[in-house]
Amino acid sequence: MASASLHAPFSVLIKANHLVITQTVDSVSRTLCTLDLRQKPSFYLNNGNVVCRAAQGFEFSLETLNNDEAQDLLNQLVTVLLHHSTLKDILKVTGVVLAVAALTFGYFWVKAEDIQPISTPVGLAVTSPVLSAPKPLTPLPVLSAPSAAAVRPIEPAPSPTASSEVPDDGWALPQAIRATLPSKLHNAAERKLFTVDYSSGHARTLYVFADPSCPNCKRLEPALNAISDAFNVVVFPVPVIGKEKSIAAITPVLCLPPEQRKAAWDALFDSAPDGLNLGKQSEKQASEGADSKAAQPGECDVALKALGINQVAYQAYLIPGTPWVISDDGRYVSQALLRDPLKLQAFLDEQPAQKGQEVSDASQ
């Protein structure tokens, strides 16, 4: 773990694969955000603020009071990241030296014909995520996990084995872990706390991670609505792009009874050119149905916590962006397939387990 602290009220440290930025105001520390280093974030100054840019091109600003404070924060970020990179390089060199020493020692004690090749694990280790949703730069309710009596979260991802393989589809999650996703997503969807359901009763199901502030999500909406006539479409909302704007928009939707959420969710995409909405339309939908199914006190608090759990699941399963669609057998579904129902049906009819066995047989 590396850390740095200057006289400015910011502190930057690295825990496992996460960069944590905190701010101290009036002797009270609060977490501004947590960033997954595997997404390779970079930072630069712009108009007196520090801007964070992820590998996929997503950006957001860490607001500061003046240029000096922004420069101090950027200096801390650079210092911590450089120190962390140096430690990783040292560990790599040390590992190589130890491996060479072990092989040299073994050469003198084992006959050459008895030496077996050393296999290298190819699995990708998934560390436990920070169990809180990333906090926006302005004060907002804490998106911490609720008590067990209120909301049961999506089960965490198990650690992959050394033999886990990562399919070449841009998703870094190993195949062994993907195989466990369908049951976890199904169980979460059955609780009707975390999701917006487009349809049900069909043979196959598609699970979607989407953000109403995401332009690509808005462009994909017509396709999702079209295929919902033939497939179950279940959306897990996440505040990935819009941050606090998306939180304000999604929370009133999840506050509604499950059967009213779809109309309120549609309003988030229809009411603004870029799909941005602060929840006014969903609040209107809530008020229209208030006479029959009014939200009880505390329900919106549960919705806010459910949204936080969706964000934790999004990070834990290394989902690289929104919209992200997962089939009910754990495979990533491209947007091109979603726009062509016939190709989508053919893709779902494939047997991924048999394909994996064929690859295994070919390698033997």
Protein backbone atom coordinates (compact mmCIF):
# COMPACT_ATOMS: atom_id res chain seq x y z
CA MET A 1 0.00 0.00 0.00
CA ALA A 2 1.35 3.42 -0.93
CA SER A 3 0.19 6.77 0.41
CA ALA A 4 0.95 10.47 0.25
CA SER A 5 -0.35 13.54 2.04
CA LEU A 6 0.35 17.26 1.60
CA HIS A 7 -0.93 20.34 3.37
CA ALA A 8 -4.02 20.43 1.12
CA PRO A 9 -7.13 18.68 2.55
CA PHE A 10 -6.70 15.71 0.19
CA SER A 11 -5.26 12.26 0.79
CA VAL A 12 -4.48 9.63 -1.84
CA LEU A 13 -3.73 5.98 -1.15
CA ILE A 14 -3.82 2.61 -2.90
CA LYS A 15 -5.55 -0.42 -1.43
CA ALA A 16 -5.19 -3.62 -3.45
CA ASN A 17 -6.17 -2.54 -6.99
CA HIS A 18 -8.12 0.56 -5.95
CA LEU A 19 -7.02 4.18 -5.76
CA VAL A 20 -8.85 5.95 -2.92
CA ILE A 21 -9.11 9.75 -2.77
CA THR A 22 -10.34 11.39 0.45
CA GLN A 23 -10.82 14.99 1.52
CA THR A 24 -10.64 16.45 5.02
CA VAL A 25 -12.94 19.37 5.81
CA ASP A 26 -13.25 20.73 9.36
CA SER A 27 -11.35 17.70 10.68
CA VAL A 28 -13.85 15.34 9.04
CA SER A 29 -12.61 12.99 6.31
CA ARG A 30 -14.86 11.80 3.51
CA THR A 31 -14.16 9.60 0.53
CA LEU A 32 -14.48 11.44 -2.77
CA CYS A 33 -14.12 8.41 -5.01
CA THR A 34 -12.53 5.01 -5.51
CA LEU A 35 -10.95 4.14 -8.85
CA ASP A 36 -10.10 0.68 -10.19
CA LEU A 37 -6.44 0.80 -11.27
CA ARG A 38 -7.11 -2.03 -13.70
CA GLN A 39 -9.06 0.52 -15.75
CA LYS A 40 -5.77 2.49 -16.08
CA PRO A 41 -7.02 5.93 -15.01
CA SER A 42 -5.01 9.01 -15.97
CA PHE A 43 -5.23 12.57 -14.62
CA TYR A 44 -4.73 16.08 -15.96
CA LEU A 45 -5.56 19.69 -15.04
CA ASN A 46 -8.40 21.52 -16.77
CA ASN A 47 -9.94 24.87 -15.74
CA GLY A 48 -8.59 24.61 -12.21
CA ASN A 49 -9.86 21.05 -11.64
CA VAL A 50 -8.23 17.64 -11.77
CA VAL A 51 -9.88 15.49 -14.46
CA CYS A 52 -9.81 11.69 -14.26
CA ARG A 53 -9.92 9.79 -17.56
CA ALA A 54 -10.47 6.00 -17.71
CA ALA A 55 -9.07 3.74 -20.43
CA GLN A 56 -12.50 3.64 -22.14
CA GLY A 57 -12.53 7.44 -22.42
CA PHE A 58 -14.95 8.18 -19.55
CA GLU A 59 -14.06 11.40 -17.69
CA PHE A 60 -15.13 13.20 -14.54
CA SER A 61 -13.71 16.13 -12.53
CA LEU A 62 -12.40 16.21 -8.99
CA GLU A 63 -13.45 19.74 -8.10
CA THR A 64 -11.07 21.92 -6.09
CA LEU A 65 -11.32 25.45 -4.71
CA ASN A 66 -8.38 26.94 -6.63
CA ASN A 67 -5.49 26.15 -8.96
CA ASP A 68 -3.02 25.61 -6.10
CA GLU A 69 -5.26 23.04 -4.48
CA ALA A 70 -5.76 21.28 -7.83
CA GLN A 71 -2.00 21.20 -8.38
CA ASP A 72 -1.43 19.76 -4.91
CA LEU A 73 -3.97 17.02 -5.56
CA LEU A 74 -2.44 16.19 -8.95
CA ASN A 75 1.04 16.04 -7.35
CA GLN A 76 -0.23 13.57 -4.77
CA LEU A 77 -1.82 11.40 -7.44
CA VAL A 78 1.35 11.35 -9.53
CA THR A 79 3.54 10.58 -6.49
CA VAL A 80 1.37 7.69 -5.33
CA LEU A 81 0.99 6.16 -8.79
CA LEU A 82 4.72 6.37 -9.53
CA HIS A 83 5.57 4.83 -6.17
CA HIS A 84 3.04 2.05 -6.74
CA SER A 85 4.47 1.36 -10.22
CA THR A 86 8.01 1.19 -8.81
CA LEU A 87 6.95 -1.34 -6.16
CA LYS A 88 5.33 -3.51 -8.80
CA ASP A 89 8.50 -3.44 -10.91
CA ILE A 90 10.62 -4.42 -7.90
CA LEU A 91 8.30 -7.33 -7.11
CA LYS A 92 8.47 -8.55 -10.71
CA VAL A 93 12.29 -8.48 -10.73
CA THR A 94 12.41 -10.23 -7.36
CA GLY A 95 10.08 -12.95 -8.62
CA VAL A 96 12.24 -13.54 -11.70
CA VAL A 97 15.42 -13.76 -9.60
CA LEU A 98 13.82 -16.26 -7.20
CA ALA A 99 12.52 -18.36 -10.10
CA VAL A 100 15.98 -18.49 -11.72
CA ALA A 101 17.59 -19.40 -8.40
CA ALA A 102 15.09 -22.19 -7.82
CA LEU A 103 15.64 -23.64 -11.29
CA THR A 104 19.43 -23.46 -10.90
CA PHE A 105 19.29 -25.21 -7.52
CA GLY A 106 16.97 -27.90 -8.84
CA TYR A 107 19.21 -28.58 -11.83
CA PHE A 108 21.95 -29.96 -9.59
CA TRP A 109 19.60 -32.19 -7.60
CA VAL A 110 17.29 -33.60 -10.26
CA LYS A 111 18.19 -35.59 -13.34
CA ALA A 112 17.59 -33.75 -16.55
CA GLU A 113 15.06 -36.32 -17.77
CA ASP A 114 13.03 -35.93 -14.57
CA ILE A 115 12.65 -32.18 -14.82
CA GLN A 116 9.07 -31.32 -15.65
CA PRO A 117 8.05 -28.07 -17.35
CA ILE A 118 6.74 -25.43 -15.00
CA SER A 119 3.20 -24.40 -15.84
CA THR A 120 2.27 -20.77 -15.53
CA PRO A 121 -1.20 -19.91 -14.17
CA VAL A 122 -3.19 -17.97 -16.66
CA GLY A 123 -6.13 -17.10 -14.44
CA LEU A 124 -6.95 -13.54 -13.56
CA ALA A 125 -7.27 -12.92 -9.82
CA VAL A 126 -10.29 -10.84 -8.83
CA THR A 127 -9.74 -8.95 -5.59
CA SER A 128 -12.64 -8.08 -3.32
CA PRO A 129 -14.05 -4.69 -4.31
CA VAL A 130 -14.37 -1.73 -1.99
CA LEU A 131 -17.79 -2.46 -0.45
CA SER A 132 -19.29 0.94 -1.09
CA ALA A 133 -20.46 2.61 -4.24
CA PRO A 134 -18.15 5.37 -5.56
CA LYS A 135 -19.14 8.61 -3.82
CA PRO A 136 -19.77 11.74 -5.95
CA LEU A 137 -17.96 15.00 -5.43
CA THR A 138 -20.98 16.73 -3.87
CA PRO A 139 -22.54 15.51 -0.61
CA LEU A 140 -25.02 12.74 -1.27
CA PRO A 141 -26.53 9.87 0.75
CA VAL A 142 -24.00 7.14 1.41
CA LEU A 143 -24.51 4.19 -0.93
CA SER A 144 -23.50 1.59 1.62
CA ALA A 145 -24.83 -1.95 1.66
CA PRO A 146 -28.08 -2.27 3.68
CA SER A 147 -28.70 -4.60 6.55
CA ALA A 148 -29.55 -8.22 5.78
CA ALA A 149 -33.13 -7.63 6.88
CA ALA A 150 -33.61 -4.92 4.25
CA VAL A 151 -31.76 -5.96 1.10
CA ARG A 152 -29.67 -9.06 0.40
CA PRO A 153 -26.90 -8.11 -2.08
CA ILE A 154 -25.82 -9.93 -5.20
CA GLU A 155 -23.40 -12.64 -4.09
CA PRO A 156 -19.72 -11.67 -4.48
CA ALA A 157 -17.61 -13.23 -7.19
CA PRO A 158 -15.59 -16.29 -6.13
CA SER A 159 -11.85 -16.26 -6.68
CA PRO A 160 -10.94 -17.83 -10.03
CA THR A 161 -8.81 -20.94 -10.27
CA ALA A 162 -5.44 -21.07 -11.97
CA SER A 163 -7.03 -22.73 -15.00
CA SER A 164 -9.60 -19.99 -15.56
CA GLU A 165 -9.60 -18.57 -19.07
CA VAL A 166 -10.63 -15.10 -20.24
CA PRO A 167 -12.61 -15.10 -23.52
CA ASP A 168 -11.46 -12.59 -26.12
CA ASP A 169 -14.48 -10.27 -25.97
CA GLY A 170 -13.13 -7.24 -24.08
CA TRP A 171 -14.41 -8.47 -20.71
CA ALA A 172 -11.61 -9.31 -18.26
CA LEU A 173 -13.73 -11.61 -16.09
CA PRO A 174 -12.53 -15.26 -16.34
CA GLN A 175 -14.83 -17.90 -17.76
CA ALA A 176 -14.96 -19.82 -14.48
CA ILE A 177 -16.52 -16.82 -12.73
CA ARG A 178 -18.83 -15.96 -15.63
CA ALA A 179 -20.37 -19.41 -15.25
CA THR A 180 -21.59 -18.43 -11.77
CA LEU A 181 -23.18 -15.15 -12.89
CA PRO A 182 -26.53 -16.39 -14.30
CA SER A 183 -27.74 -17.85 -11.00
CA LYS A 184 -26.62 -14.77 -9.03
CA LEU A 185 -28.25 -12.34 -11.45
CA HIS A 186 -31.41 -14.48 -11.55
CA ASN A 187 -31.66 -14.59 -7.75
CA ALA A 188 -31.12 -10.82 -7.50
CA ALA A 189 -33.74 -10.14 -10.18
CA GLU A 190 -36.25 -12.36 -8.39
CA ARG A 191 -36.13 -10.08 -5.33
CA LYS A 192 -37.53 -7.15 -7.39
CA LEU A 193 -35.35 -4.65 -5.48
CA PHE A 194 -32.47 -4.02 -7.88
CA THR A 195 -34.02 -4.15 -11.34
CA VAL A 196 -36.28 -2.67 -14.00
CA ASP A 197 -38.08 -5.49 -15.85
CA TYR A 198 -38.93 -4.98 -19.52
CA SER A 199 -40.63 -8.36 -19.95
CA SER A 200 -41.00 -11.83 -18.46
CA GLY A 201 -42.34 -15.28 -19.26
CA HIS A 202 -39.98 -16.03 -22.17
CA ALA A 203 -37.55 -18.94 -22.43
CA ARG A 204 -34.32 -16.89 -22.40
CA THR A 205 -33.21 -13.88 -20.35
CA LEU A 206 -30.82 -10.99 -20.99
CA TYR A 207 -29.40 -9.00 -18.04
CA VAL A 208 -28.42 -5.40 -18.79
CA PHE A 209 -26.24 -2.98 -16.80
CA ALA A 210 -27.28 0.51 -17.95
CA ASP A 211 -27.08 4.17 -16.93
CA PRO A 212 -29.72 6.73 -18.03
CA SER A 213 -26.91 9.28 -18.48
CA CYS A 214 -25.14 7.00 -20.98
CA PRO A 215 -25.66 8.08 -24.65
CA ASN A 216 -25.06 4.53 -25.92
CA CYS A 217 -27.68 3.23 -23.48
CA LYS A 218 -30.20 5.66 -24.95
CA ARG A 219 -29.33 4.56 -28.50
CA LEU A 220 -29.76 0.90 -27.53
CA GLU A 221 -33.17 1.42 -25.89
CA PRO A 222 -35.27 0.83 -29.06
CA ALA A 223 -33.47 -2.48 -29.67
CA LEU A 224 -34.00 -3.64 -26.09
CA ASN A 225 -37.69 -2.76 -26.26
CA ALA A 226 -38.02 -4.63 -29.57
CA ILE A 227 -36.39 -7.87 -28.38
CA SER A 228 -38.33 -7.79 -25.10
CA ASP A 229 -41.24 -9.30 -27.06
CA ALA A 230 -39.22 -12.51 -27.51
CA PHE A 231 -36.75 -12.46 -24.61
CA ASN A 232 -36.88 -11.48 -20.95
CA VAL A 233 -34.97 -8.20 -20.56
CA VAL A 234 -33.93 -7.27 -17.02
CA VAL A 235 -32.00 -4.04 -16.33
CA PHE A 236 -29.71 -3.42 -13.35
CA PRO A 237 -29.39 0.41 -13.22
CA VAL A 238 -25.95 1.80 -12.27
CA PRO A 239 -24.69 5.41 -11.85
CA VAL A 240 -21.50 4.89 -13.87
CA ILE A 241 -21.59 7.82 -16.30
CA GLY A 242 -23.81 10.42 -14.65
CA LYS A 243 -22.66 9.85 -11.05
CA GLU A 244 -24.84 12.07 -8.83
CA LYS A 245 -27.19 12.94 -11.74
CA SER A 246 -27.82 9.26 -12.38
CA ILE A 247 -28.28 8.55 -8.66
CA ALA A 248 -30.93 11.28 -8.47
CA ALA A 249 -32.66 9.89 -11.57
CA ILE A 250 -32.54 6.16 -10.79
CA THR A 251 -33.46 6.20 -7.09
CA PRO A 252 -37.10 7.38 -7.59
CA VAL A 253 -37.50 4.67 -10.27
CA LEU A 254 -36.39 1.88 -7.92
CA CYS A 255 -38.67 3.44 -5.27
CA LEU A 256 -41.73 2.56 -7.34
CA PRO A 257 -43.50 -0.82 -7.27
CA PRO A 258 -41.86 -3.21 -9.79
CA GLU A 259 -44.73 -3.00 -12.27
CA GLN A 260 -44.46 0.82 -12.48
CA ARG A 261 -40.68 1.07 -12.96
CA LYS A 262 -40.55 0.45 -16.71
CA ALA A 263 -42.65 3.52 -17.58
CA ALA A 264 -40.58 5.70 -15.24
CA TRP A 265 -37.34 4.27 -16.66
CA ASP A 266 -38.51 5.02 -20.23
CA ALA A 267 -39.23 8.62 -19.18
CA LEU A 268 -35.56 9.08 -18.22
CA PHE A 269 -34.54 8.41 -21.83
CA ASP A 270 -37.41 10.26 -23.52
CA SER A 271 -37.37 13.49 -21.51
CA ALA A 272 -33.89 14.82 -22.43
CA PRO A 273 -31.78 14.84 -25.62
CA ASP A 274 -28.85 12.97 -24.07
CA GLY A 275 -30.82 10.75 -21.75
CA LEU A 276 -30.01 12.97 -18.76
CA ASN A 277 -32.77 13.44 -16.23
CA LEU A 278 -32.73 14.30 -12.57
CA GLY A 279 -35.66 12.10 -11.70
CA LYS A 280 -38.49 14.60 -12.22
CA GLN A 281 -40.29 12.36 -14.69
CA SER A 282 -39.96 9.31 -12.47
CA GLU A 283 -41.23 11.32 -9.51
CA LYS A 284 -44.23 12.28 -11.62
CA GLN A 285 -44.85 8.61 -12.42
CA ALA A 286 -44.63 7.86 -8.71
CA SER A 287 -47.19 10.53 -7.87
CA GLU A 288 -49.59 9.23 -10.54
CA GLY A 289 -49.62 5.83 -8.90
CA ALA A 290 -49.54 7.13 -5.34
CA ASP A 291 -53.28 6.80 -4.82
CA SER A 292 -53.12 3.00 -5.13
CA LYS A 293 -49.53 2.05 -4.23
CA ALA A 294 -47.92 4.95 -2.43
CA ALA A 295 -44.31 4.48 -1.35
CA GLN A 296 -44.00 3.91 2.37
CA PRO A 297 -41.39 5.75 4.51
CA GLY A 298 -38.01 4.07 4.21
CA GLU A 299 -38.67 2.47 0.80
CA CYS A 300 -36.57 5.07 -1.02
CA ASP A 301 -33.76 4.44 1.42
CA VAL A 302 -33.86 0.77 0.43
CA ALA A 303 -33.87 1.81 -3.26
CA LEU A 304 -30.78 3.96 -2.70
CA LYS A 305 -28.99 1.07 -1.01
CA ALA A 306 -30.06 -1.31 -3.78
CA LEU A 307 -28.52 1.07 -6.32
CA GLY A 308 -25.30 1.04 -4.30
CA ILE A 309 -25.26 -2.77 -4.40
CA ASN A 310 -25.75 -2.69 -8.19
CA GLN A 311 -22.66 -0.47 -8.42
CA VAL A 312 -20.65 -2.86 -6.22
CA ALA A 313 -21.64 -5.79 -8.47
CA TYR A 314 -20.69 -3.75 -11.56
CA GLN A 315 -17.20 -3.21 -10.13
CA ALA A 316 -16.76 -6.73 -8.71
CA TYR A 317 -17.50 -8.36 -12.06
CA LEU A 318 -15.09 -6.05 -13.92
CA ILE A 319 -17.76 -4.78 -16.31
CA PRO A 320 -15.92 -2.33 -18.61
CA GLY A 321 -18.77 0.04 -19.50
CA THR A 322 -22.44 0.62 -20.20
CA PRO A 323 -24.58 -0.66 -21.74
CA TRP A 324 -23.35 -4.18 -20.92
CA VAL A 325 -25.56 -7.17 -21.66
CA ILE A 326 -25.06 -10.66 -20.22
CA SER A 327 -26.95 -13.73 -21.42
CA ASP A 328 -28.51 -16.25 -19.05
CA ASP A 329 -25.55 -18.58 -19.70
CA GLY A 330 -22.98 -15.96 -18.64
CA ARG A 331 -21.81 -14.72 -22.05
CA TYR A 332 -21.36 -11.11 -23.15
CA VAL A 333 -23.90 -10.11 -25.82
CA SER A 334 -22.74 -7.47 -28.30
CA GLN A 335 -24.91 -4.54 -29.35
CA ALA A 336 -24.80 -5.76 -32.97
CA LEU A 337 -26.53 -9.00 -31.92
CA LEU A 338 -29.13 -7.10 -29.90
CA ARG A 339 -30.13 -5.19 -33.04
CA ASP A 340 -30.66 -8.40 -35.04
CA PRO A 341 -33.18 -10.76 -33.35
CA LEU A 342 -32.36 -13.67 -35.69
CA LYS A 343 -28.62 -13.50 -35.00
CA LEU A 344 -29.34 -13.04 -31.30
CA GLN A 345 -31.47 -16.21 -31.25
CA ALA A 346 -28.74 -18.14 -33.08
CA PHE A 347 -26.15 -16.89 -30.58
CA LEU A 348 -28.27 -17.95 -27.61
CA ASP A 349 -28.91 -21.35 -29.19
CA GLU A 350 -25.16 -22.07 -29.26
CA GLN A 351 -23.81 -24.34 -26.54
CA PRO A 352 -20.91 -22.49 -24.84
CA ALA A 353 -20.04 -25.50 -22.67
CA GLN A 354 -19.62 -27.74 -25.71
CA LYS A 355 -17.52 -25.11 -27.47
CA GLY A 356 -15.26 -24.89 -24.44
CA GLN A 357 -14.92 -28.70 -24.41
CA GLU A 358 -13.97 -28.70 -28.08
CA VAL A 359 -11.21 -26.16 -27.40
CA SER A 360 -9.99 -28.26 -24.49
CA ASP A 361 -9.97 -31.44 -26.60
CA ALA A 362 -8.07 -29.72 -29.39
CA SER A 363 -5.37 -28.58 -27.01
CA GLN A 364 -4.69 -32.10 -25.69
